[in-house]
Amino acid sequence: MSGMYYKGLGFLVWKGVTWYLRRRYGSAPKKIGAGALVAAAIAAAIAIAQRQRSTPA
């Protein structure tokens, strides 16, 4: 039961933060989010490449 509570609470916090940021900054959070997503994808690709290179075959 508490898992559903925290999931609902997280959803409400996420919606509240995104609403606030969009009111305050307009479309900038979308651009920041897209940039963060690209950065995370690049970091994941680098981590996978390093892991494959360091694993003995």
C-alpha atoms as a PDB file:
ATOM      1  CA  MET A   1       0.000   0.000   0.000  1.00  0.00           C
ATOM      2  CA  SER A   2       2.797   2.429   0.815  1.00  0.00           C
ATOM      3  CA  GLY A   3       4.338   1.781  -2.605  1.00  0.00           C
ATOM      4  CA  MET A   4       1.227   3.138  -4.295  1.00  0.00           C
ATOM      5  CA  TYR A   5       1.299   6.123  -1.939  1.00  0.00           C
ATOM      6  CA  TYR A   6       4.869   6.995  -2.898  1.00  0.00           C
ATOM      7  CA  LYS A   7       4.138   6.461  -6.581  1.00  0.00           C
ATOM      8  CA  GLY A   8       1.186   8.844  -6.368  1.00  0.00           C
ATOM      9  CA  LEU A   9       3.190  11.335  -4.349  1.00  0.00           C
ATOM     10  CA  GLY A  10       6.027  11.227  -6.868  1.00  0.00           C
ATOM     11  CA  PHE A  11       3.566  11.780  -9.714  1.00  0.00           C
ATOM     12  CA  LEU A  12       2.068  14.812  -7.975  1.00  0.00           C
ATOM     13  CA  VAL A  13       5.493  16.276  -7.208  1.00  0.00           C
ATOM     14  CA  TRP A  14       6.621  15.726 -10.821  1.00  0.00           C
ATOM     15  CA  LYS A  15       3.505  17.406 -12.222  1.00  0.00           C
ATOM     16  CA  GLY A  16       3.816  20.284  -9.760  1.00  0.00           C
ATOM     17  CA  VAL A  17       7.465  20.919 -10.565  1.00  0.00           C
ATOM     18  CA  THR A  18       6.924  20.779 -14.316  1.00  0.00           C
ATOM     19  CA  TRP A  19       3.917  23.111 -14.035  1.00  0.00           C
ATOM     20  CA  TYR A  20       5.933  25.583 -11.974  1.00  0.00           C
ATOM     21  CA  LEU A  21       8.949  25.496 -14.308  1.00  0.00           C
ATOM     22  CA  ARG A  22       6.790  25.977 -17.397  1.00  0.00           C
ATOM     23  CA  ARG A  23       5.048  28.945 -15.801  1.00  0.00           C
ATOM     24  CA  ARG A  24       8.333  30.488 -14.730  1.00  0.00           C
ATOM     25  CA  TYR A  25      10.566  29.730 -17.725  1.00  0.00           C
ATOM     26  CA  GLY A  26       8.242  28.914 -20.617  1.00  0.00           C
ATOM     27  CA  SER A  27       9.573  26.268 -22.994  1.00  0.00           C
ATOM     28  CA  ALA A  28      13.104  26.272 -21.557  1.00  0.00           C
ATOM     29  CA  PRO A  29      12.527  23.134 -19.389  1.00  0.00           C
ATOM     30  CA  LYS A  30      11.717  21.148 -22.542  1.00  0.00           C
ATOM     31  CA  LYS A  31      15.035  22.186 -24.047  1.00  0.00           C
ATOM     32  CA  ILE A  32      16.873  21.433 -20.809  1.00  0.00           C
ATOM     33  CA  GLY A  33      15.150  18.054 -20.548  1.00  0.00           C
ATOM     34  CA  ALA A  34      16.055  17.179 -24.128  1.00  0.00           C
ATOM     35  CA  GLY A  35      19.659  18.146 -23.474  1.00  0.00           C
ATOM     36  CA  ALA A  36      19.748  16.073 -20.300  1.00  0.00           C
ATOM     37  CA  LEU A  37      18.329  13.083 -22.184  1.00  0.00           C
ATOM     38  CA  VAL A  38      20.989  13.363 -24.879  1.00  0.00           C
ATOM     39  CA  ALA A  39      23.721  13.726 -22.235  1.00  0.00           C
ATOM     40  CA  ALA A  40      22.431  10.645 -20.393  1.00  0.00           C
ATOM     41  CA  ALA A  41      22.401   8.624 -23.616  1.00  0.00           C
ATOM     42  CA  ILE A  42      25.977   9.648 -24.407  1.00  0.00           C
ATOM     43  CA  ALA A  43      27.105   8.817 -20.857  1.00  0.00           C
ATOM     44  CA  ALA A  44      25.427   5.397 -21.073  1.00  0.00           C
ATOM     45  CA  ALA A  45      27.084   4.686 -24.419  1.00  0.00           C
ATOM     46  CA  ILE A  46      30.498   5.615 -23.005  1.00  0.00           C
ATOM     47  CA  ALA A  47      29.943   3.451 -19.923  1.00  0.00           C
ATOM     48  CA  ILE A  48      28.914   0.451 -22.043  1.00  0.00           C
ATOM     49  CA  ALA A  49      31.899   0.908 -24.361  1.00  0.00           C
ATOM     50  CA  GLN A  50      34.322   1.068 -21.419  1.00  0.00           C
ATOM     51  CA  ARG A  51      32.761  -1.989 -19.804  1.00  0.00           C
ATOM     52  CA  GLN A  52      33.059  -3.996 -23.025  1.00  0.00           C
ATOM     53  CA  ARG A  53      36.644  -2.877 -23.549  1.00  0.00           C
ATOM     54  CA  SER A  54      37.708  -3.773 -19.989  1.00  0.00           C
ATOM     55  CA  THR A  55      36.001  -7.194 -19.949  1.00  0.00           C
ATOM     56  CA  PRO A  56      38.512  -9.922 -20.879  1.00  0.00           C
ATOM     57  CA  ALA A  57      37.317 -12.054 -23.783  1.00  0.00           C
END
